[in-house]
C-alpha cells in the first residue's frame, strides 16, 4: 500500500512536469491571441503594478524630497553664515571709513590752525544722564591741557575744558545749561556784530547769542565765530550759523538763534586748542 502511494506521487509529478513544459512551449509560440490563463495572469500583474507602483513612486519621491530639503537647509545655513560674515565685514569697513574720514578731517583742521596749538584727543566717557552737559577726553595736564581751553571738532566749536586732571579732562559742552558758560563771539559780515553765547535752547537744539544791539544788522545764514575778546578762546573758531533773529523780552537788544556747526550729540574725536600767544608765554616762562 505505501508503494502504491509512492508511485502515484511520482506519476503526478511527471504529469505536472509534462504539462508545465507543454504550457511553456505553447506560450513561446508566436500567436495573435493569448489564452485566458495568460490573460488572467497578465491582467492580475498589471493591476498589482497599478495598485502598488504609483504609491511606491510617491514614497520614493517623498524621501527624495526630504533629502533635497536637507541639502537645501544645509546650503541655506551656509549662505546665512556667509551673509552674516559679509554684514559684519561691511559694518567694520564702514566704521573704518568713518574713522578715516574723522582723522583726515582732524588732520586737515590741524594743518589749518596757525593761530593756536592743537592737542588731539578722543572721547572716552559720556554720562547718559548728562549727555548734553559734559564729555571726558583722554588728554590732561600732562599733555598741556588747562582749564577753559577751547575744544573743537573739524566742524566747529563744541565746548571748553571744565577740569583738567593729569591724564584726562572734562569738557563742558556748548549745550550745557550753565549761566556761566558764556563765550565771546561775533556775527561775520561786512560789519562784524559782537555778542555773547549765553544759553542753549534744548527744544530747538540751538545756541542763543545775546547782547546784540537792537539796531545791529544780522541776517539768516550768517556765520558766528569766536571773537577772542574773552581772553580764553582764540579768535575765529567757527561756532554756527544764524537761523533766526528777534528782539529780547524787553525790546532793548536782539537775541540770535545759532545752529551749531558741530553735532553736539555725537562726538568721537576732538582737538583742544590754546592760543599761540599763551603757548609762547608758556615757553618763555620755561626758558626763564
C-alpha atoms as a PDB file:
ATOM      1  CA  UNK A   1       0.000   0.000   0.000  1.00  0.00           C
ATOM      2  CA  UNK A   2       2.742   2.538   0.769  1.00  0.00           C
ATOM      3  CA  UNK A   3       4.419   1.636  -2.514  1.00  0.00           C
ATOM      4  CA  UNK A   4       1.178   2.440  -4.387  1.00  0.00           C
ATOM      5  CA  UNK A   5       1.002   5.907  -2.851  1.00  0.00           C
ATOM      6  CA  UNK A   6       4.650   6.487  -3.705  1.00  0.00           C
ATOM      7  CA  UNK A   7       4.029   5.553  -7.358  1.00  0.00           C
ATOM      8  CA  UNK A   8       1.025   7.909  -7.524  1.00  0.00           C
ATOM      9  CA  UNK A   9       3.136  10.791  -6.288  1.00  0.00           C
ATOM     10  CA  UNK A  10       5.772  10.044  -8.871  1.00  0.00           C
ATOM     11  CA  UNK A  11       3.189   9.778 -11.655  1.00  0.00           C
ATOM     12  CA  UNK A  12       1.577  13.129 -10.513  1.00  0.00           C
ATOM     13  CA  UNK A  13       4.957  14.850 -10.520  1.00  0.00           C
ATOM     14  CA  UNK A  14       5.801  13.553 -14.012  1.00  0.00           C
ATOM     15  CA  UNK A  15       2.401  14.596 -15.386  1.00  0.00           C
ATOM     16  CA  UNK A  16       2.825  18.065 -13.838  1.00  0.00           C
ATOM     17  CA  UNK A  17       6.250  18.483 -15.418  1.00  0.00           C
ATOM     18  CA  UNK A  18       4.919  17.442 -18.819  1.00  0.00           C
ATOM     19  CA  UNK A  19       2.007  19.898 -18.562  1.00  0.00           C
ATOM     20  CA  UNK A  20       4.384  22.717 -17.467  1.00  0.00           C
ATOM     21  CA  UNK A  21       6.686  22.009 -20.414  1.00  0.00           C
ATOM     22  CA  UNK A  22       3.739  21.976 -22.768  1.00  0.00           C
ATOM     23  CA  UNK A  23       2.477  25.306 -21.394  1.00  0.00           C
ATOM     24  CA  UNK A  24       5.905  26.874 -21.714  1.00  0.00           C
ATOM     25  CA  UNK A  25       6.278  25.674 -25.214  1.00  0.00           C
ATOM     26  CA  UNK A  26       2.794  26.793 -26.067  1.00  0.00           C
ATOM     27  CA  UNK A  27       3.391  30.241 -24.657  1.00  0.00           C
ATOM     28  CA  UNK A  28       6.634  30.662 -26.564  1.00  0.00           C
ATOM     29  CA  UNK A  29       4.967  30.143 -29.883  1.00  0.00           C
ATOM     30  CA  UNK A  30       4.156  33.256 -31.916  1.00  0.00           C
ATOM     31  CA  UNK A  31       0.430  33.830 -31.960  1.00  0.00           C
ATOM     32  CA  UNK A  32      -2.012  36.669 -32.128  1.00  0.00           C
ATOM     33  CA  UNK A  33      -4.198  35.816 -29.132  1.00  0.00           C
ATOM     34  CA  UNK A  34      -3.429  34.790 -25.570  1.00  0.00           C
ATOM     35  CA  UNK A  35      -5.153  32.036 -23.676  1.00  0.00           C
ATOM     36  CA  UNK A  36      -7.456  33.001 -20.856  1.00  0.00           C
ATOM     37  CA  UNK A  37      -4.965  31.807 -18.150  1.00  0.00           C
ATOM     38  CA  UNK A  38      -2.274  34.032 -19.681  1.00  0.00           C
ATOM     39  CA  UNK A  39      -4.696  36.914 -19.927  1.00  0.00           C
ATOM     40  CA  UNK A  40      -5.663  36.406 -16.292  1.00  0.00           C
ATOM     41  CA  UNK A  41      -2.041  36.349 -15.188  1.00  0.00           C
ATOM     42  CA  UNK A  42      -1.128  39.451 -17.220  1.00  0.00           C
ATOM     43  CA  UNK A  43      -4.186  41.381 -16.067  1.00  0.00           C
ATOM     44  CA  UNK A  44      -3.508  40.427 -12.477  1.00  0.00           C
ATOM     45  CA  UNK A  45       0.129  41.537 -12.775  1.00  0.00           C
ATOM     46  CA  UNK A  46      -0.912  44.832 -14.383  1.00  0.00           C
ATOM     47  CA  UNK A  47      -3.468  45.511 -11.663  1.00  0.00           C
ATOM     48  CA  UNK A  48      -0.894  44.809  -8.966  1.00  0.00           C
ATOM     49  CA  UNK A  49       1.577  47.157 -10.671  1.00  0.00           C
ATOM     50  CA  UNK A  50      -1.101  49.831 -10.927  1.00  0.00           C
ATOM     51  CA  UNK A  51      -2.139  49.331  -7.300  1.00  0.00           C
ATOM     52  CA  UNK A  52       1.349  49.426  -5.757  1.00  0.00           C
ATOM     53  CA  UNK A  53       3.510  51.107  -8.404  1.00  0.00           C
ATOM     54  CA  UNK A  54       2.265  54.681  -8.042  1.00  0.00           C
ATOM     55  CA  UNK A  55       2.290  54.702  -4.194  1.00  0.00           C
ATOM     56  CA  UNK A  56       5.783  53.249  -4.333  1.00  0.00           C
ATOM     57  CA  UNK A  57       6.839  56.077  -6.662  1.00  0.00           C
ATOM     58  CA  UNK A  58       5.194  58.630  -4.356  1.00  0.00           C
ATOM     59  CA  UNK A  59       7.037  57.203  -1.345  1.00  0.00           C
ATOM     60  CA  UNK A  60      10.322  57.203  -3.234  1.00  0.00           C
ATOM     61  CA  UNK A  61       9.670  60.778  -4.354  1.00  0.00           C
ATOM     62  CA  UNK A  62       8.830  61.801  -0.757  1.00  0.00           C
ATOM     63  CA  UNK A  63      12.160  60.526   0.558  1.00  0.00           C
ATOM     64  CA  UNK A  64      13.947  62.162  -2.346  1.00  0.00           C
ATOM     65  CA  UNK A  65      12.211  65.462  -1.497  1.00  0.00           C
ATOM     66  CA  UNK A  66      13.256  65.070   2.137  1.00  0.00           C
ATOM     67  CA  UNK A  67      16.854  64.640   1.021  1.00  0.00           C
ATOM     68  CA  UNK A  68      16.518  67.695  -1.210  1.00  0.00           C
ATOM     69  CA  UNK A  69      15.142  69.673   1.742  1.00  0.00           C
ATOM     70  CA  UNK A  70      18.057  68.609   3.897  1.00  0.00           C
ATOM     71  CA  UNK A  71      20.527  69.679   1.236  1.00  0.00           C
ATOM     72  CA  UNK A  72      18.673  72.972   0.767  1.00  0.00           C
ATOM     73  CA  UNK A  73      18.657  73.587   4.528  1.00  0.00           C
ATOM     74  CA  UNK A  74      22.399  72.979   4.770  1.00  0.00           C
ATOM     75  CA  UNK A  75      23.061  75.267   1.810  1.00  0.00           C
ATOM     76  CA  UNK A  76      20.787  77.903   3.346  1.00  0.00           C
ATOM     77  CA  UNK A  77      22.628  77.730   6.679  1.00  0.00           C
ATOM     78  CA  UNK A  78      25.936  78.080   4.860  1.00  0.00           C
ATOM     79  CA  UNK A  79      24.676  81.072   2.900  1.00  0.00           C
ATOM     80  CA  UNK A  80      23.304  82.676   6.087  1.00  0.00           C
ATOM     81  CA  UNK A  81      26.663  82.248   7.792  1.00  0.00           C
ATOM     82  CA  UNK A  82      28.433  83.816   4.823  1.00  0.00           C
ATOM     83  CA  UNK A  83      25.876  86.619   4.732  1.00  0.00           C
ATOM     84  CA  UNK A  84      26.439  87.326   8.443  1.00  0.00           C
ATOM     85  CA  UNK A  85      30.190  87.363   7.840  1.00  0.00           C
ATOM     86  CA  UNK A  86      29.673  89.758   4.962  1.00  0.00           C
ATOM     87  CA  UNK A  87      27.421  92.018   7.068  1.00  0.00           C
ATOM     88  CA  UNK A  88      29.981  92.065   9.896  1.00  0.00           C
ATOM     89  CA  UNK A  89      32.751  92.849   7.421  1.00  0.00           C
ATOM     90  CA  UNK A  90      30.664  95.587   5.826  1.00  0.00           C
ATOM     91  CA  UNK A  91      29.986  97.127   9.258  1.00  0.00           C
ATOM     92  CA  UNK A  92      33.685  97.008  10.114  1.00  0.00           C
ATOM     93  CA  UNK A  93      34.617  98.598   6.792  1.00  0.00           C
ATOM     94  CA  UNK A  94      32.048 101.368   7.316  1.00  0.00           C
ATOM     95  CA  UNK A  95      33.363 102.022  10.840  1.00  0.00           C
ATOM     96  CA  UNK A  96      36.924 102.217   9.494  1.00  0.00           C
ATOM     97  CA  UNK A  97      35.783 104.518   6.697  1.00  0.00           C
ATOM     98  CA  UNK A  98      34.090 106.884   9.152  1.00  0.00           C
ATOM     99  CA  UNK A  99      37.103 106.838  11.456  1.00  0.00           C
ATOM    100  CA  UNK A 100      39.374 107.542   8.491  1.00  0.00           C
ATOM    101  CA  UNK A 101      37.209 110.491   7.478  1.00  0.00           C
ATOM    102  CA  UNK A 102      37.245 111.864  11.022  1.00  0.00           C
ATOM    103  CA  UNK A 103      41.013 111.545  11.302  1.00  0.00           C
ATOM    104  CA  UNK A 104      41.548 113.104   7.888  1.00  0.00           C
ATOM    105  CA  UNK A 105      39.269 115.981   8.854  1.00  0.00           C
ATOM    106  CA  UNK A 106      41.188 116.426  12.107  1.00  0.00           C
ATOM    107  CA  UNK A 107      44.467 116.377  10.220  1.00  0.00           C
ATOM    108  CA  UNK A 108      43.216 118.986   7.745  1.00  0.00           C
ATOM    109  CA  UNK A 109      41.925 121.096  10.627  1.00  0.00           C
ATOM    110  CA  UNK A 110      45.231 120.732  12.482  1.00  0.00           C
ATOM    111  CA  UNK A 111      47.148 121.949   9.455  1.00  0.00           C
ATOM    112  CA  UNK A 112      44.878 124.994   9.182  1.00  0.00           C
ATOM    113  CA  UNK A 113      45.199 126.063  12.838  1.00  0.00           C
ATOM    114  CA  UNK A 114      48.045 128.533  12.539  1.00  0.00           C
ATOM    115  CA  UNK A 115      46.955 130.869  15.320  1.00  0.00           C
ATOM    116  CA  UNK A 116      46.755 128.251  18.053  1.00  0.00           C
ATOM    117  CA  UNK A 117      48.312 124.999  19.213  1.00  0.00           C
ATOM    118  CA  UNK A 118      46.094 121.904  18.834  1.00  0.00           C
ATOM    119  CA  UNK A 119      46.086 118.867  21.139  1.00  0.00           C
ATOM    120  CA  UNK A 120      44.302 115.894  19.584  1.00  0.00           C
ATOM    121  CA  UNK A 121      42.091 113.867  21.962  1.00  0.00           C
ATOM    122  CA  UNK A 122      39.496 111.095  21.928  1.00  0.00           C
ATOM    123  CA  UNK A 123      36.230 110.965  23.863  1.00  0.00           C
ATOM    124  CA  UNK A 124      36.439 108.141  26.427  1.00  0.00           C
ATOM    125  CA  UNK A 125      33.374 108.832  28.551  1.00  0.00           C
ATOM    126  CA  UNK A 126      29.946 110.435  28.491  1.00  0.00           C
ATOM    127  CA  UNK A 127      27.316 110.211  31.209  1.00  0.00           C
ATOM    128  CA  UNK A 128      23.892 109.307  29.748  1.00  0.00           C
ATOM    129  CA  UNK A 129      22.222 111.400  32.473  1.00  0.00           C
ATOM    130  CA  UNK A 130      24.297 114.435  31.457  1.00  0.00           C
ATOM    131  CA  UNK A 131      24.642 113.702  27.755  1.00  0.00           C
ATOM    132  CA  UNK A 132      24.268 117.338  26.698  1.00  0.00           C
ATOM    133  CA  UNK A 133      26.427 118.638  29.551  1.00  0.00           C
ATOM    134  CA  UNK A 134      29.918 117.113  29.504  1.00  0.00           C
ATOM    135  CA  UNK A 135      32.290 114.617  27.883  1.00  0.00           C
ATOM    136  CA  UNK A 136      35.555 113.120  29.123  1.00  0.00           C
ATOM    137  CA  UNK A 137      38.636 113.014  26.875  1.00  0.00           C
ATOM    138  CA  UNK A 138      41.917 111.126  27.152  1.00  0.00           C
ATOM    139  CA  UNK A 139      44.242 114.134  27.460  1.00  0.00           C
ATOM    140  CA  UNK A 140      45.061 116.082  30.605  1.00  0.00           C
ATOM    141  CA  UNK A 141      47.553 118.366  32.300  1.00  0.00           C
ATOM    142  CA  UNK A 142      50.450 116.095  31.375  1.00  0.00           C
ATOM    143  CA  UNK A 143      49.645 116.828  27.729  1.00  0.00           C
ATOM    144  CA  UNK A 144      49.397 120.589  28.202  1.00  0.00           C
ATOM    145  CA  UNK A 145      45.649 120.823  28.791  1.00  0.00           C
ATOM    146  CA  UNK A 146      44.382 123.597  31.053  1.00  0.00           C
ATOM    147  CA  UNK A 147      41.031 124.794  32.295  1.00  0.00           C
ATOM    148  CA  UNK A 148      38.934 126.920  29.904  1.00  0.00           C
ATOM    149  CA  UNK A 149      40.790 125.833  26.761  1.00  0.00           C
ATOM    150  CA  UNK A 150      38.552 125.641  23.694  1.00  0.00           C
ATOM    151  CA  UNK A 151      37.539 122.223  22.372  1.00  0.00           C
ATOM    152  CA  UNK A 152      36.639 121.787  18.715  1.00  0.00           C
ATOM    153  CA  UNK A 153      35.865 119.177  16.061  1.00  0.00           C
ATOM    154  CA  UNK A 154      36.579 119.623  12.348  1.00  0.00           C
ATOM    155  CA  UNK A 155      33.067 121.100  12.051  1.00  0.00           C
ATOM    156  CA  UNK A 156      33.423 123.714  14.772  1.00  0.00           C
ATOM    157  CA  UNK A 157      33.453 124.594  18.462  1.00  0.00           C
ATOM    158  CA  UNK A 158      31.872 122.103  20.888  1.00  0.00           C
ATOM    159  CA  UNK A 159      32.848 123.458  24.314  1.00  0.00           C
ATOM    160  CA  UNK A 160      35.661 124.215  26.735  1.00  0.00           C
ATOM    161  CA  UNK A 161      37.763 122.361  29.292  1.00  0.00           C
ATOM    162  CA  UNK A 162      35.973 122.403  32.638  1.00  0.00           C
ATOM    163  CA  UNK A 163      38.503 120.377  34.657  1.00  0.00           C
ATOM    164  CA  UNK A 164      41.921 119.012  33.721  1.00  0.00           C
ATOM    165  CA  UNK A 165      43.318 116.020  35.613  1.00  0.00           C
ATOM    166  CA  UNK A 166      46.773 114.640  34.941  1.00  0.00           C
ATOM    167  CA  UNK A 167      45.755 112.319  32.097  1.00  0.00           C
ATOM    168  CA  UNK A 168      42.088 113.101  31.371  1.00  0.00           C
ATOM    169  CA  UNK A 169      39.901 116.189  31.109  1.00  0.00           C
ATOM    170  CA  UNK A 170      36.216 117.015  31.484  1.00  0.00           C
ATOM    171  CA  UNK A 171      34.819 119.156  28.675  1.00  0.00           C
ATOM    172  CA  UNK A 172      31.743 121.332  29.205  1.00  0.00           C
ATOM    173  CA  UNK A 173      29.691 121.379  26.005  1.00  0.00           C
ATOM    174  CA  UNK A 174      28.044 124.415  24.463  1.00  0.00           C
ATOM    175  CA  UNK A 175      24.697 122.722  25.109  1.00  0.00           C
ATOM    176  CA  UNK A 176      25.247 122.698  28.901  1.00  0.00           C
ATOM    177  CA  UNK A 177      22.595 124.643  30.812  1.00  0.00           C
ATOM    178  CA  UNK A 178      25.036 126.788  32.756  1.00  0.00           C
ATOM    179  CA  UNK A 179      24.623 130.554  33.099  1.00  0.00           C
ATOM    180  CA  UNK A 180      28.389 130.913  33.464  1.00  0.00           C
ATOM    181  CA  UNK A 181      29.002 129.105  30.177  1.00  0.00           C
ATOM    182  CA  UNK A 182      29.459 132.286  28.144  1.00  0.00           C
ATOM    183  CA  UNK A 183      31.580 132.724  25.042  1.00  0.00           C
ATOM    184  CA  UNK A 184      32.540 135.971  23.353  1.00  0.00           C
ATOM    185  CA  UNK A 185      31.509 135.731  19.700  1.00  0.00           C
ATOM    186  CA  UNK A 186      30.695 137.777  16.632  1.00  0.00           C
ATOM    187  CA  UNK A 187      28.459 137.556  13.587  1.00  0.00           C
ATOM    188  CA  UNK A 188      30.610 137.703  10.476  1.00  0.00           C
ATOM    189  CA  UNK A 189      29.580 140.287   7.868  1.00  0.00           C
ATOM    190  CA  UNK A 190      30.565 143.499   6.178  1.00  0.00           C
ATOM    191  CA  UNK A 191      30.470 144.914   9.671  1.00  0.00           C
ATOM    192  CA  UNK A 192      31.042 142.320  12.379  1.00  0.00           C
ATOM    193  CA  UNK A 193      28.430 142.302  15.143  1.00  0.00           C
ATOM    194  CA  UNK A 194      29.712 141.246  18.567  1.00  0.00           C
ATOM    195  CA  UNK A 195      27.817 139.494  21.335  1.00  0.00           C
ATOM    196  CA  UNK A 196      27.879 136.627  23.829  1.00  0.00           C
ATOM    197  CA  UNK A 197      26.843 132.991  23.512  1.00  0.00           C
ATOM    198  CA  UNK A 198      24.881 132.809  26.755  1.00  0.00           C
ATOM    199  CA  UNK A 199      22.426 129.936  26.509  1.00  0.00           C
ATOM    200  CA  UNK A 200      21.079 126.905  24.731  1.00  0.00           C
ATOM    201  CA  UNK A 201      17.572 126.178  23.531  1.00  0.00           C
ATOM    202  CA  UNK A 202      17.158 122.452  24.124  1.00  0.00           C
ATOM    203  CA  UNK A 203      13.950 122.191  22.108  1.00  0.00           C
ATOM    204  CA  UNK A 204      15.470 123.814  19.028  1.00  0.00           C
ATOM    205  CA  UNK A 205      18.955 122.456  19.734  1.00  0.00           C
ATOM    206  CA  UNK A 206      20.354 125.907  19.019  1.00  0.00           C
ATOM    207  CA  UNK A 207      22.606 128.375  20.818  1.00  0.00           C
ATOM    208  CA  UNK A 208      21.452 131.784  21.989  1.00  0.00           C
ATOM    209  CA  UNK A 209      23.638 134.741  21.030  1.00  0.00           C
ATOM    210  CA  UNK A 210      22.726 137.735  23.182  1.00  0.00           C
ATOM    211  CA  UNK A 211      23.866 141.284  23.896  1.00  0.00           C
ATOM    212  CA  UNK A 212      23.297 142.220  20.239  1.00  0.00           C
ATOM    213  CA  UNK A 213      22.417 145.931  19.759  1.00  0.00           C
ATOM    214  CA  UNK A 214      18.820 146.437  18.669  1.00  0.00           C
ATOM    215  CA  UNK A 215      19.912 148.370  15.580  1.00  0.00           C
ATOM    216  CA  UNK A 216      22.535 145.831  14.508  1.00  0.00           C
ATOM    217  CA  UNK A 217      22.001 144.208  11.122  1.00  0.00           C
ATOM    218  CA  UNK A 218      22.010 140.429  11.490  1.00  0.00           C
ATOM    219  CA  UNK A 219      20.522 138.074   8.913  1.00  0.00           C
ATOM    220  CA  UNK A 220      19.904 134.364   8.496  1.00  0.00           C
ATOM    221  CA  UNK A 221      22.752 132.196   7.167  1.00  0.00           C
ATOM    222  CA  UNK A 222      25.422 134.500   8.564  1.00  0.00           C
ATOM    223  CA  UNK A 223      28.267 132.703  10.312  1.00  0.00           C
ATOM    224  CA  UNK A 224      29.072 133.081  14.012  1.00  0.00           C
ATOM    225  CA  UNK A 225      32.685 132.726  15.218  1.00  0.00           C
ATOM    226  CA  UNK A 226      34.638 133.221  18.446  1.00  0.00           C
ATOM    227  CA  UNK A 227      35.887 136.760  18.844  1.00  0.00           C
ATOM    228  CA  UNK A 228      38.894 136.062  21.076  1.00  0.00           C
ATOM    229  CA  UNK A 229      37.945 139.064  23.191  1.00  0.00           C
ATOM    230  CA  UNK A 230      37.193 136.962  26.238  1.00  0.00           C
ATOM    231  CA  UNK A 231      40.877 136.258  26.710  1.00  0.00           C
ATOM    232  CA  UNK A 232      40.340 132.490  26.689  1.00  0.00           C
ATOM    233  CA  UNK A 233      39.386 131.285  23.229  1.00  0.00           C
ATOM    234  CA  UNK A 234      41.366 132.031  20.080  1.00  0.00           C
ATOM    235  CA  UNK A 235      39.718 134.261  17.515  1.00  0.00           C
ATOM    236  CA  UNK A 236      37.958 132.774  14.504  1.00  0.00           C
ATOM    237  CA  UNK A 237      36.805 129.378  15.742  1.00  0.00           C
ATOM    238  CA  UNK A 238      33.572 128.537  13.869  1.00  0.00           C
ATOM    239  CA  UNK A 239      30.520 128.196  16.128  1.00  0.00           C
ATOM    240  CA  UNK A 240      27.451 128.057  13.920  1.00  0.00           C
ATOM    241  CA  UNK A 241      25.006 129.740  11.585  1.00  0.00           C
ATOM    242  CA  UNK A 242      22.224 132.241  12.261  1.00  0.00           C
ATOM    243  CA  UNK A 243      18.727 130.759  11.903  1.00  0.00           C
ATOM    244  CA  UNK A 244      16.523 133.476  13.475  1.00  0.00           C
ATOM    245  CA  UNK A 245      16.784 136.995  14.877  1.00  0.00           C
ATOM    246  CA  UNK A 246      14.248 138.573  17.220  1.00  0.00           C
ATOM    247  CA  UNK A 247      14.124 141.247  19.970  1.00  0.00           C
ATOM    248  CA  UNK A 248      14.635 140.181  23.567  1.00  0.00           C
ATOM    249  CA  UNK A 249      11.790 140.272  26.085  1.00  0.00           C
ATOM    250  CA  UNK A 250      12.464 143.940  26.926  1.00  0.00           C
ATOM    251  CA  UNK A 251      12.968 145.105  23.330  1.00  0.00           C
ATOM    252  CA  UNK A 252      16.366 146.615  24.149  1.00  0.00           C
ATOM    253  CA  UNK A 253      18.629 144.114  22.414  1.00  0.00           C
ATOM    254  CA  UNK A 254      18.339 141.262  19.930  1.00  0.00           C
ATOM    255  CA  UNK A 255      18.501 137.537  20.525  1.00  0.00           C
ATOM    256  CA  UNK A 256      20.050 135.493  17.727  1.00  0.00           C
ATOM    257  CA  UNK A 257      19.443 131.760  17.364  1.00  0.00           C
ATOM    258  CA  UNK A 258      22.547 129.942  16.156  1.00  0.00           C
ATOM    259  CA  UNK A 259      22.596 126.387  14.820  1.00  0.00           C
ATOM    260  CA  UNK A 260      25.957 124.819  15.839  1.00  0.00           C
ATOM    261  CA  UNK A 261      28.183 123.594  13.022  1.00  0.00           C
ATOM    262  CA  UNK A 262      29.279 120.634  15.168  1.00  0.00           C
ATOM    263  CA  UNK A 263      26.965 117.812  16.181  1.00  0.00           C
ATOM    264  CA  UNK A 264      26.973 118.172  19.963  1.00  0.00           C
ATOM    265  CA  UNK A 265      25.175 114.851  20.435  1.00  0.00           C
ATOM    266  CA  UNK A 266      27.676 112.686  18.526  1.00  0.00           C
ATOM    267  CA  UNK A 267      31.313 113.440  19.337  1.00  0.00           C
ATOM    268  CA  UNK A 268      34.189 110.948  18.999  1.00  0.00           C
ATOM    269  CA  UNK A 269      37.412 112.852  18.329  1.00  0.00           C
ATOM    270  CA  UNK A 270      38.227 116.437  19.286  1.00  0.00           C
ATOM    271  CA  UNK A 271      41.070 118.919  19.435  1.00  0.00           C
ATOM    272  CA  UNK A 272      41.858 121.007  22.468  1.00  0.00           C
ATOM    273  CA  UNK A 273      43.354 124.335  21.399  1.00  0.00           C
ATOM    274  CA  UNK A 274      45.219 127.080  23.124  1.00  0.00           C
ATOM    275  CA  UNK A 275      46.108 130.452  21.721  1.00  0.00           C
ATOM    276  CA  UNK A 276      49.562 130.814  20.214  1.00  0.00           C
ATOM    277  CA  UNK A 277      50.256 133.813  22.423  1.00  0.00           C
ATOM    278  CA  UNK A 278      49.565 131.684  25.511  1.00  0.00           C
ATOM    279  CA  UNK A 279      51.847 128.939  24.221  1.00  0.00           C
ATOM    280  CA  UNK A 280      54.569 131.492  23.540  1.00  0.00           C
ATOM    281  CA  UNK A 281      54.271 132.935  27.054  1.00  0.00           C
ATOM    282  CA  UNK A 282      54.431 129.409  28.484  1.00  0.00           C
ATOM    283  CA  UNK A 283      57.601 128.623  26.542  1.00  0.00           C
ATOM    284  CA  UNK A 284      59.097 131.962  27.608  1.00  0.00           C
ATOM    285  CA  UNK A 285      58.325 131.133  31.239  1.00  0.00           C
ATOM    286  CA  UNK A 286      60.064 127.763  30.907  1.00  0.00           C
ATOM    287  CA  UNK A 287      63.100 129.412  29.369  1.00  0.00           C
ATOM    288  CA  UNK A 288      63.407 131.761  32.325  1.00  0.00           C
END
